[in-house]
N, C-alpha and C. Protein backbone atom coordinates (compact mmCIF):
# COMPACT_ATOMS: atom_id res chain seq x y z
N MET A 1 -1.91 8.43 49.01
CA MET A 1 -1.57 10.09 47.94
C MET A 1 -2.85 9.96 47.00
N LEU A 2 -3.63 11.12 46.51
CA LEU A 2 -4.37 11.48 45.07
C LEU A 2 -3.43 11.98 44.62
N TRP A 3 -3.71 11.55 43.20
CA TRP A 3 -3.16 12.30 42.04
C TRP A 3 -4.22 12.84 41.38
N ARG A 4 -4.38 14.23 41.34
CA ARG A 4 -5.31 14.55 40.13
C ARG A 4 -4.74 15.32 38.84
N SER A 5 -5.23 14.55 37.65
CA SER A 5 -4.87 15.31 36.24
C SER A 5 -5.76 16.97 36.25
N SER A 6 -4.67 17.43 35.72
CA SER A 6 -4.99 19.08 35.55
C SER A 6 -5.43 18.78 34.11
N LYS A 7 -5.86 17.97 33.39
CA LYS A 7 -6.71 17.80 32.16
C LYS A 7 -8.02 17.00 32.46
N PRO A 8 -8.68 17.48 31.96
CA PRO A 8 -10.19 17.12 31.96
C PRO A 8 -10.25 15.58 30.97
N ALA A 9 -10.72 14.64 31.33
CA ALA A 9 -10.89 13.69 30.66
C ALA A 9 -11.51 13.64 29.18
N GLU A 10 -11.23 13.16 28.22
CA GLU A 10 -11.52 13.31 26.78
C GLU A 10 -12.85 12.33 26.56
N GLN A 11 -13.89 12.98 26.17
CA GLN A 11 -14.95 12.50 25.82
C GLN A 11 -14.72 11.67 24.25
N THR A 12 -15.45 9.97 24.22
CA THR A 12 -15.06 9.02 23.42
C THR A 12 -16.39 9.18 22.43
N THR A 13 -16.51 9.49 21.52
CA THR A 13 -17.60 9.51 20.50
C THR A 13 -17.68 8.06 19.36
N PHE A 14 -18.62 7.23 19.19
CA PHE A 14 -18.72 6.18 18.60
C PHE A 14 -19.68 6.45 17.49
N TYR A 15 -19.03 5.99 16.20
CA TYR A 15 -19.81 6.56 14.84
C TYR A 15 -20.11 5.04 14.20
N SER A 16 -21.35 5.05 13.66
CA SER A 16 -21.46 3.38 12.91
C SER A 16 -21.14 4.18 11.47
N ALA A 17 -20.23 3.21 10.54
CA ALA A 17 -20.31 3.73 9.21
C ALA A 17 -21.14 3.11 8.19
N PRO A 18 -21.92 3.43 7.55
CA PRO A 18 -23.03 3.25 6.77
C PRO A 18 -22.34 3.03 5.34
N PHE A 19 -20.95 1.75 5.25
CA PHE A 19 -20.64 1.28 3.92
C PHE A 19 -21.45 0.62 3.13
N PRO A 20 -21.53 0.79 1.81
CA PRO A 20 -22.13 0.25 0.62
C PRO A 20 -21.50 -1.05 0.26
N PHE A 21 -20.36 -1.35 1.11
CA PHE A 21 -19.21 -2.15 0.65
C PHE A 21 -19.00 -3.00 1.60
N PRO A 22 -17.91 -3.92 1.79
CA PRO A 22 -16.94 -4.80 2.58
C PRO A 22 -15.94 -3.92 2.79
N ALA A 23 -15.67 -2.93 3.72
CA ALA A 23 -14.30 -2.56 3.90
C ALA A 23 -13.31 -3.16 4.35
N ARG A 24 -12.17 -2.79 3.61
CA ARG A 24 -11.00 -3.32 4.09
C ARG A 24 -9.58 -2.00 4.15
N ASP A 25 -8.72 -2.51 4.48
CA ASP A 25 -7.65 -1.37 4.52
C ASP A 25 -8.02 -0.28 4.80
N VAL A 26 -7.75 0.46 6.18
CA VAL A 26 -8.39 1.33 6.44
C VAL A 26 -7.40 2.33 6.96
N ALA A 27 -7.81 3.27 6.60
CA ALA A 27 -6.44 4.43 7.47
C ALA A 27 -7.06 6.02 7.61
N VAL A 28 -6.79 5.84 9.10
CA VAL A 28 -7.13 7.33 9.88
C VAL A 28 -6.51 8.53 9.24
N ALA A 29 -7.08 9.99 8.94
CA ALA A 29 -6.49 10.99 8.87
C ALA A 29 -5.69 11.49 9.86
N PRO A 30 -4.76 12.41 9.75
CA PRO A 30 -3.93 13.00 10.48
C PRO A 30 -4.97 14.15 11.43
N ASN A 31 -6.03 14.47 11.15
CA ASN A 31 -7.36 15.29 11.72
C ASN A 31 -7.94 14.00 12.70
N GLY A 32 -7.71 12.94 12.65
CA GLY A 32 -8.07 12.05 13.33
C GLY A 32 -9.79 11.75 13.71
N HIS A 33 -10.61 12.10 12.38
CA HIS A 33 -11.76 11.52 12.33
C HIS A 33 -12.14 11.39 10.68
N THR A 34 -11.39 11.72 9.46
CA THR A 34 -11.69 11.07 8.20
C THR A 34 -10.97 9.88 8.07
N VAL A 35 -11.92 8.73 7.46
CA VAL A 35 -11.10 7.78 7.25
C VAL A 35 -11.18 7.54 5.79
N ALA A 36 -10.26 7.05 5.19
CA ALA A 36 -9.85 6.44 3.62
C ALA A 36 -10.16 4.76 4.21
N VAL A 37 -10.96 4.37 2.82
CA VAL A 37 -11.20 2.98 3.22
C VAL A 37 -11.33 2.62 2.00
N VAL A 38 -10.65 1.00 2.06
CA VAL A 38 -10.63 0.59 0.14
C VAL A 38 -11.87 -0.62 0.63
N GLY A 39 -12.89 -0.43 -0.85
CA GLY A 39 -13.87 -0.85 -0.61
C GLY A 39 -14.09 -1.50 -2.11
N TYR A 40 -14.71 -2.18 -2.36
CA TYR A 40 -15.34 -2.35 -3.83
C TYR A 40 -16.47 -1.82 -3.98
N ARG A 41 -16.08 -1.46 -5.40
CA ARG A 41 -17.34 -0.45 -6.11
C ARG A 41 -17.89 -1.65 -7.23
N GLU A 42 -19.06 -1.45 -7.40
CA GLU A 42 -19.38 -2.62 -8.39
C GLU A 42 -19.46 -1.70 -9.72
N ALA A 43 -19.63 -0.45 -9.85
CA ALA A 43 -19.68 0.01 -11.49
C ALA A 43 -18.40 -0.21 -11.68
N GLU A 44 -17.16 -0.11 -11.58
CA GLU A 44 -16.06 -0.63 -11.75
C GLU A 44 -15.25 -2.35 -11.78
N ARG A 45 -16.01 -2.87 -10.43
CA ARG A 45 -15.93 -4.42 -10.64
C ARG A 45 -14.64 -4.85 -10.20
N LYS A 46 -14.22 -3.35 -9.49
CA LYS A 46 -12.71 -3.25 -8.52
C LYS A 46 -12.95 -2.53 -7.28
N ASN A 47 -11.73 -2.20 -6.28
CA ASN A 47 -11.46 -2.03 -5.57
C ASN A 47 -11.05 -0.52 -5.60
N VAL A 48 -11.95 0.76 -5.11
CA VAL A 48 -11.58 2.00 -4.85
C VAL A 48 -11.47 2.87 -3.69
N ILE A 49 -10.66 3.86 -3.24
CA ILE A 49 -10.78 4.52 -1.72
C ILE A 49 -12.18 5.39 -1.60
N TRP A 50 -12.39 5.11 -0.82
CA TRP A 50 -13.81 5.73 -0.02
C TRP A 50 -13.46 6.86 0.81
N ILE A 51 -13.59 8.06 1.01
CA ILE A 51 -13.32 8.90 2.16
C ILE A 51 -14.91 8.61 3.14
N TYR A 52 -14.75 8.63 4.12
CA TYR A 52 -15.54 8.89 4.84
C TYR A 52 -15.89 9.87 6.27
N GLU A 53 -16.35 10.65 6.51
CA GLU A 53 -16.73 11.40 7.64
C GLU A 53 -17.70 11.16 8.73
N PRO A 54 -17.02 10.53 9.88
CA PRO A 54 -17.71 10.17 10.67
C PRO A 54 -19.11 11.08 11.11
N GLY A 55 -20.51 10.71 11.04
CA GLY A 55 -21.68 11.25 11.14
C GLY A 55 -22.46 11.70 9.56
N ALA A 56 -21.26 11.18 8.43
CA ALA A 56 -21.60 11.66 7.43
C ALA A 56 -22.93 10.43 6.88
N PRO A 57 -23.47 10.85 6.17
CA PRO A 57 -24.84 10.02 5.61
C PRO A 57 -24.54 9.02 4.79
N GLN A 58 -23.30 9.18 4.28
CA GLN A 58 -22.41 8.42 3.34
C GLN A 58 -21.34 8.38 2.92
N ALA A 59 -20.22 7.51 2.36
CA ALA A 59 -19.22 6.94 2.14
C ALA A 59 -19.04 8.07 0.61
N THR A 60 -18.10 8.36 -0.03
CA THR A 60 -17.56 9.01 -0.95
C THR A 60 -16.45 8.40 -1.73
N SER A 61 -16.52 7.62 -2.98
CA SER A 61 -15.65 7.48 -3.63
C SER A 61 -14.59 8.29 -4.21
N LEU A 62 -13.48 7.78 -4.51
CA LEU A 62 -12.28 8.78 -4.90
C LEU A 62 -12.40 8.43 -6.56
N PRO A 63 -12.33 9.49 -7.24
CA PRO A 63 -12.32 8.85 -9.06
C PRO A 63 -10.81 8.50 -9.37
N ASN A 64 -10.76 7.71 -10.27
CA ASN A 64 -9.20 7.23 -10.55
C ASN A 64 -8.23 6.15 -9.10
N THR A 65 -9.23 5.65 -8.44
CA THR A 65 -8.59 4.92 -7.64
C THR A 65 -8.84 3.34 -7.58
N GLU A 66 -9.15 2.90 -9.08
CA GLU A 66 -9.55 1.47 -9.00
C GLU A 66 -8.18 0.55 -8.99
N GLY A 67 -8.69 -0.20 -8.28
CA GLY A 67 -7.71 -1.43 -8.12
C GLY A 67 -6.76 -1.00 -6.62
N ALA A 68 -7.16 -0.05 -5.73
CA ALA A 68 -6.38 0.70 -4.69
C ALA A 68 -5.95 -0.29 -3.46
N ASN A 69 -4.62 -0.62 -2.96
CA ASN A 69 -4.22 -1.15 -1.77
C ASN A 69 -3.82 -0.27 -0.95
N TYR A 70 -3.75 -0.83 0.55
CA TYR A 70 -3.41 0.10 1.45
C TYR A 70 -3.09 1.31 1.47
N PRO A 71 -4.26 2.57 1.68
CA PRO A 71 -4.21 3.89 1.60
C PRO A 71 -3.30 4.22 2.52
N PHE A 72 -2.37 5.40 2.84
CA PHE A 72 -2.20 6.08 4.24
C PHE A 72 -1.77 7.66 3.69
N TRP A 73 -1.82 8.42 4.65
CA TRP A 73 -2.00 10.30 4.74
C TRP A 73 -0.82 10.75 4.77
N SER A 74 -1.13 11.98 3.78
CA SER A 74 -0.23 12.62 4.27
C SER A 74 0.01 13.32 5.57
N PRO A 75 0.81 14.45 5.85
CA PRO A 75 0.81 14.52 7.09
C PRO A 75 -0.27 16.18 7.41
N ASP A 76 -0.71 16.35 5.99
CA ASP A 76 -1.67 17.66 6.40
C ASP A 76 -3.20 17.15 6.03
N GLY A 77 -3.42 15.75 5.63
CA GLY A 77 -4.54 15.60 5.38
C GLY A 77 -5.25 15.23 4.25
N ARG A 78 -4.59 16.00 3.24
CA ARG A 78 -4.83 16.73 2.07
C ARG A 78 -4.74 15.56 1.01
N SER A 79 -3.62 15.08 1.19
CA SER A 79 -3.34 13.50 0.11
C SER A 79 -3.11 12.21 0.71
N LEU A 80 -3.64 11.09 -0.59
CA LEU A 80 -3.27 9.91 0.05
C LEU A 80 -2.28 9.60 -0.99
N GLY A 81 -1.83 8.26 -0.10
CA GLY A 81 -0.61 7.69 -1.10
C GLY A 81 -1.34 6.37 -1.26
N PHE A 82 -1.01 5.54 -2.00
CA PHE A 82 -1.79 4.16 -2.09
C PHE A 82 -1.12 3.12 -3.29
N PHE A 83 -1.28 1.99 -3.44
CA PHE A 83 -0.95 1.05 -4.70
C PHE A 83 -1.93 0.54 -5.15
N ALA A 84 -1.82 0.42 -6.50
CA ALA A 84 -2.87 0.25 -7.56
C ALA A 84 -1.84 0.10 -9.09
N ASP A 85 -2.46 -1.14 -9.78
CA ASP A 85 -2.10 -1.07 -11.02
C ASP A 85 -0.08 -1.61 -11.08
N GLY A 86 0.48 -2.14 -9.78
CA GLY A 86 1.37 -2.18 -9.69
C GLY A 86 2.49 -1.13 -9.32
N ARG A 87 2.28 0.19 -9.12
CA ARG A 87 2.75 1.33 -9.04
C ARG A 87 2.27 1.98 -7.36
N LEU A 88 3.05 2.83 -6.85
CA LEU A 88 3.05 3.91 -5.73
C LEU A 88 2.43 4.50 -6.33
N LYS A 89 1.28 5.45 -5.91
CA LYS A 89 0.72 6.29 -6.45
C LYS A 89 0.10 7.47 -5.36
N LYS A 90 -0.25 8.54 -5.69
CA LYS A 90 -0.59 9.82 -4.70
C LYS A 90 -2.03 10.47 -5.07
N LEU A 91 -2.84 10.96 -4.85
CA LEU A 91 -4.01 11.49 -5.32
C LEU A 91 -4.15 13.00 -4.01
N ASP A 92 -4.59 14.03 -4.54
CA ASP A 92 -5.09 15.36 -3.64
C ASP A 92 -6.41 14.84 -3.41
N ILE A 93 -7.00 14.75 -2.55
CA ILE A 93 -8.27 14.12 -2.28
C ILE A 93 -9.51 15.58 -2.63
N THR A 94 -8.89 16.65 -2.63
CA THR A 94 -9.97 17.74 -3.22
C THR A 94 -10.38 17.61 -4.59
N GLY A 95 -9.24 17.07 -4.92
CA GLY A 95 -9.57 16.94 -6.72
C GLY A 95 -8.29 17.12 -7.38
N GLY A 96 -7.98 16.65 -8.14
CA GLY A 96 -6.72 16.45 -8.81
C GLY A 96 -6.26 15.26 -9.38
N THR A 97 -5.24 14.59 -10.55
CA THR A 97 -4.76 13.77 -11.01
C THR A 97 -4.11 12.74 -9.79
N VAL A 98 -4.24 11.65 -10.37
CA VAL A 98 -3.84 10.73 -9.68
C VAL A 98 -2.18 10.73 -10.11
N GLN A 99 -1.17 10.95 -9.55
CA GLN A 99 0.38 10.89 -9.79
C GLN A 99 0.82 9.55 -9.35
N THR A 100 1.53 9.03 -10.30
CA THR A 100 2.65 7.71 -10.30
C THR A 100 4.13 8.21 -9.75
N LEU A 101 4.44 7.49 -8.68
CA LEU A 101 5.56 8.10 -8.15
C LEU A 101 6.57 6.99 -8.28
N CYS A 102 6.31 5.65 -8.46
CA CYS A 102 7.61 4.87 -8.92
C CYS A 102 6.83 3.52 -9.41
N ASP A 103 7.21 1.99 -9.73
CA ASP A 103 6.79 1.05 -9.72
C ASP A 103 6.44 0.72 -8.01
N ALA A 104 5.59 -0.32 -8.03
CA ALA A 104 5.43 -1.04 -6.60
C ALA A 104 4.54 -2.11 -6.65
N PRO A 105 5.52 -3.64 -7.30
CA PRO A 105 4.36 -4.27 -7.92
C PRO A 105 3.56 -5.03 -7.11
N THR A 106 3.86 -5.21 -5.65
CA THR A 106 2.96 -5.71 -4.70
C THR A 106 3.19 -5.09 -3.32
N GLY A 107 3.12 -3.77 -3.56
CA GLY A 107 3.68 -2.75 -2.49
C GLY A 107 2.88 -3.19 -0.91
N ARG A 108 3.56 -3.15 0.02
CA ARG A 108 3.01 -3.72 1.45
C ARG A 108 3.12 -2.67 2.46
N GLY A 109 2.63 -1.49 2.25
CA GLY A 109 2.58 -0.32 3.59
C GLY A 109 3.57 0.67 3.26
N GLY A 110 2.53 1.85 3.69
CA GLY A 110 3.52 3.32 3.01
C GLY A 110 3.64 3.88 4.41
N ALA A 111 4.36 5.37 4.36
CA ALA A 111 4.04 6.34 5.70
C ALA A 111 4.45 7.65 5.32
N TRP A 112 4.33 8.46 5.26
CA TRP A 112 4.52 10.06 4.54
C TRP A 112 5.05 10.84 5.70
N ASN A 113 5.93 12.08 5.65
CA ASN A 113 6.30 12.93 6.75
C ASN A 113 6.23 13.94 6.34
N LYS A 114 6.32 14.72 7.45
CA LYS A 114 5.87 16.41 7.03
C LYS A 114 7.40 17.00 6.24
N ASP A 115 8.23 16.25 6.05
CA ASP A 115 9.54 16.95 4.99
C ASP A 115 9.18 16.28 3.31
N GLY A 116 7.89 15.49 3.61
CA GLY A 116 7.85 15.06 2.17
C GLY A 116 8.31 13.93 1.62
N VAL A 117 8.56 12.84 2.67
CA VAL A 117 9.57 11.93 2.51
C VAL A 117 8.31 10.88 2.61
N ILE A 118 8.28 9.61 1.68
CA ILE A 118 7.39 8.68 1.79
C ILE A 118 8.20 7.55 2.04
N LEU A 119 7.92 6.29 2.68
CA LEU A 119 8.84 5.27 3.29
C LEU A 119 7.39 3.60 2.48
N PHE A 120 8.35 2.95 2.05
CA PHE A 120 7.35 2.31 1.50
C PHE A 120 8.06 0.64 0.93
N THR A 121 6.96 -0.32 1.18
CA THR A 121 7.51 -1.50 0.67
C THR A 121 7.28 -2.06 -0.49
N PRO A 122 7.94 -2.00 -1.82
CA PRO A 122 7.15 -2.05 -2.79
C PRO A 122 6.70 -3.03 -3.15
N SER A 123 7.25 -4.20 -2.41
CA SER A 123 7.06 -6.02 -2.99
C SER A 123 6.47 -6.80 -1.99
N GLY A 124 5.75 -7.76 -1.92
CA GLY A 124 5.54 -8.61 -0.92
C GLY A 124 6.83 -9.60 -0.97
N LEU A 125 7.42 -10.06 -2.07
CA LEU A 125 8.63 -10.72 -2.19
C LEU A 125 9.81 -10.88 -1.33
N LEU A 126 10.19 -12.32 -1.13
CA LEU A 126 11.30 -12.43 -0.14
C LEU A 126 11.81 -11.60 -0.23
N GLY A 127 12.92 -11.27 1.31
CA GLY A 127 14.25 -10.06 1.09
C GLY A 127 13.66 -8.83 0.46
N THR A 128 12.68 -8.13 0.35
CA THR A 128 12.44 -6.65 -0.11
C THR A 128 12.21 -5.96 1.50
N GLY A 129 12.98 -4.96 1.22
CA GLY A 129 13.23 -4.10 2.35
C GLY A 129 12.25 -3.11 2.38
N VAL A 130 12.59 -1.70 3.20
CA VAL A 130 11.80 -0.32 3.18
C VAL A 130 12.51 0.48 2.16
N PHE A 131 11.56 0.90 1.20
CA PHE A 131 12.51 2.16 0.57
C PHE A 131 11.80 3.29 0.72
N ARG A 132 12.88 4.52 0.27
CA ARG A 132 11.97 5.81 0.45
C ARG A 132 12.42 6.56 -0.82
N ILE A 133 11.55 7.25 -1.25
CA ILE A 133 11.23 8.36 -2.01
C ILE A 133 10.86 9.86 -1.92
N PRO A 134 11.05 10.50 -2.29
CA PRO A 134 10.26 11.92 -2.10
C PRO A 134 8.48 11.69 -2.83
N ALA A 135 8.09 12.49 -1.65
CA ALA A 135 6.75 12.59 -2.26
C ALA A 135 6.48 13.45 -3.46
N SER A 136 7.13 14.33 -4.05
CA SER A 136 7.08 14.62 -5.35
C SER A 136 7.59 13.75 -6.65
N GLY A 137 8.08 12.41 -6.35
CA GLY A 137 8.28 11.24 -7.21
C GLY A 137 9.95 11.69 -6.75
N GLY A 138 10.37 10.46 -7.93
CA GLY A 138 11.57 10.54 -8.54
C GLY A 138 12.24 9.24 -8.32
N THR A 139 13.63 8.66 -8.05
CA THR A 139 14.16 7.36 -7.59
C THR A 139 14.20 6.82 -6.49
N PRO A 140 13.45 5.64 -6.08
CA PRO A 140 13.35 5.11 -4.84
C PRO A 140 14.80 4.42 -4.28
N THR A 141 14.74 4.87 -2.92
CA THR A 141 16.49 4.14 -2.42
C THR A 141 16.04 3.29 -1.73
N GLN A 142 16.49 2.08 -1.26
CA GLN A 142 16.27 1.40 -0.39
C GLN A 142 17.02 1.62 0.60
N ILE A 143 16.37 1.33 1.77
CA ILE A 143 16.52 2.33 3.53
C ILE A 143 17.22 0.75 4.37
N THR A 144 16.05 -0.24 4.13
CA THR A 144 16.38 -1.21 5.43
C THR A 144 16.65 -2.62 4.37
N PHE A 145 17.52 -3.43 4.67
CA PHE A 145 17.72 -4.69 3.91
C PHE A 145 17.65 -5.94 4.80
N PRO A 146 16.74 -6.70 4.37
CA PRO A 146 16.30 -7.70 5.66
C PRO A 146 17.73 -8.69 5.40
N ASP A 147 18.21 -9.03 7.13
CA ASP A 147 19.11 -10.02 7.01
C ASP A 147 19.08 -11.28 7.06
N ARG A 148 19.22 -12.03 6.27
CA ARG A 148 18.90 -13.25 5.82
C ARG A 148 19.90 -14.17 7.04
N ALA A 149 20.40 -13.89 7.85
CA ALA A 149 21.23 -14.67 8.18
C ALA A 149 20.87 -14.48 9.95
N GLN A 150 20.10 -13.52 10.07
CA GLN A 150 18.91 -13.14 11.65
C GLN A 150 17.72 -14.26 11.09
N GLY A 151 17.57 -14.92 9.81
CA GLY A 151 16.16 -15.14 9.71
C GLY A 151 15.41 -14.45 9.01
N GLU A 152 15.24 -12.87 8.84
CA GLU A 152 14.73 -11.93 8.07
C GLU A 152 14.07 -12.43 6.58
N ASP A 153 12.60 -12.31 6.63
CA ASP A 153 12.27 -12.66 5.32
C ASP A 153 11.72 -11.40 4.53
N SER A 154 11.06 -10.17 5.22
CA SER A 154 11.08 -9.19 5.00
C SER A 154 10.58 -7.68 5.72
N HIS A 155 11.00 -6.74 5.42
CA HIS A 155 10.48 -5.29 6.09
C HIS A 155 9.19 -4.76 5.62
N ARG A 156 8.20 -4.75 6.37
CA ARG A 156 7.06 -4.03 5.52
C ARG A 156 6.34 -2.90 6.49
N TRP A 157 5.15 -2.49 6.41
CA TRP A 157 4.29 -1.38 7.00
C TRP A 157 5.25 -0.69 7.73
N PRO A 158 5.92 0.54 6.86
CA PRO A 158 6.74 1.35 7.55
C PRO A 158 5.28 2.51 8.28
N VAL A 159 6.09 3.02 9.36
CA VAL A 159 5.13 3.93 10.25
C VAL A 159 6.39 5.04 10.59
N PHE A 160 6.32 6.53 10.69
CA PHE A 160 6.29 7.35 11.34
C PHE A 160 6.38 7.36 12.83
N LEU A 161 7.02 7.97 13.61
CA LEU A 161 6.62 8.19 14.84
C LEU A 161 6.55 9.78 14.85
N PRO A 162 5.70 10.33 15.95
CA PRO A 162 5.80 11.23 15.82
C PRO A 162 6.66 12.69 15.44
N ASP A 163 8.13 12.25 15.43
CA ASP A 163 9.07 13.30 15.42
C ASP A 163 9.39 13.48 13.58
N GLY A 164 8.62 12.10 12.99
CA GLY A 164 8.63 12.31 11.44
C GLY A 164 10.19 12.08 10.76
N ILE A 165 11.12 11.48 12.03
CA ILE A 165 12.30 11.25 11.19
C ILE A 165 12.77 10.02 11.71
N HIS A 166 12.09 9.31 12.69
CA HIS A 166 12.29 8.13 13.03
C HIS A 166 11.56 7.27 12.37
N TYR A 167 11.40 5.74 12.54
CA TYR A 167 10.33 5.26 12.01
C TYR A 167 10.31 3.34 12.36
N LEU A 168 9.11 3.23 12.47
CA LEU A 168 8.78 1.65 13.03
C LEU A 168 8.91 0.77 11.98
N PHE A 169 9.18 -0.61 11.24
CA PHE A 169 8.36 -1.25 10.28
C PHE A 169 8.52 -2.71 10.90
N TRP A 170 7.58 -3.62 10.07
CA TRP A 170 7.53 -4.83 10.48
C TRP A 170 8.37 -5.65 9.83
N ARG A 171 9.15 -6.53 10.94
CA ARG A 171 10.25 -7.10 10.17
C ARG A 171 9.78 -8.60 10.28
N SER A 172 9.73 -9.17 8.88
CA SER A 172 9.00 -10.97 9.25
C SER A 172 10.08 -11.41 9.02
N ILE A 173 9.74 -12.76 10.03
CA ILE A 173 10.86 -13.61 10.08
C ILE A 173 10.01 -15.16 9.37
N PHE A 174 11.10 -15.61 8.53
CA PHE A 174 10.98 -16.85 8.49
C PHE A 174 10.83 -18.47 8.65
N ARG A 175 11.75 -18.11 10.14
CA ARG A 175 11.92 -19.20 10.64
C ARG A 175 10.21 -19.37 11.91
N ASP A 176 10.62 -20.15 12.85
CA ASP A 176 9.29 -20.21 13.95
C ASP A 176 9.30 -19.10 14.82
N GLU A 177 10.52 -17.97 14.55
CA GLU A 177 10.05 -17.11 15.50
C GLU A 177 8.86 -16.23 15.25
N LYS A 178 8.57 -15.41 16.53
CA LYS A 178 7.46 -14.41 16.14
C LYS A 178 8.23 -13.16 15.65
N ASN A 179 7.12 -12.40 14.46
CA ASN A 179 7.54 -11.50 14.06
C ASN A 179 7.59 -10.11 14.82
N CYS A 180 8.29 -9.17 14.55
CA CYS A 180 8.53 -7.72 15.56
C CYS A 180 9.00 -6.51 14.86
N THR A 181 8.65 -5.40 15.27
CA THR A 181 9.22 -4.23 14.81
C THR A 181 10.80 -4.05 14.92
N ARG A 182 11.50 -3.39 14.40
CA ARG A 182 12.60 -2.88 14.61
C ARG A 182 12.37 -0.74 13.84
N SER A 183 13.05 0.02 15.06
CA SER A 183 12.91 1.19 14.66
C SER A 183 13.83 1.85 14.16
N SER A 184 14.14 2.81 13.60
CA SER A 184 15.09 3.11 12.65
C SER A 184 14.86 4.68 12.45
N SER A 185 15.89 5.55 11.68
CA SER A 185 15.21 6.72 11.61
C SER A 185 15.88 6.95 9.95
N VAL A 186 15.38 8.37 9.38
CA VAL A 186 15.15 8.85 8.03
C VAL A 186 16.44 10.14 8.28
N ARG A 187 17.39 9.83 7.40
CA ARG A 187 18.22 10.92 7.59
C ARG A 187 18.21 11.56 5.97
């Protein structure tokens, strides 16, 4: 029996990215083609966030993102969340001021849903779980708690699933077991 797809195959396109710096911490925008990259900028002697549109002649650095790590996009692709200076911050990429949302001494990943909820891990320290905060700012609330009896070290790198309610996070194990993901939902 032969099955035929009703959809034509998608065409894959490859672009090279002419970054003038070593790139790290890459986040792809919801539009699927804009990329936020953390890279070193000599003028500030620090990492900053660069925006790159495939096919563009060069990447553009975003002002006031010095010291940035682990960027993540808003669902509409107009803003970025990131960690810098021991804080969770956000920035409208079309121009605007950086807004500090809360403390995050050594942030370890964030995710932003269409309901204006940001999930993040504020610290790489042992025993840290995932927290929730409104994208407008406020007081963060811890929503996952590592289970030391199960050998959990921390919960990191939250990612919303397509429904924007359920999410996955990295469950770090401090025993000889392998790391794995766990899923949950935001209520």
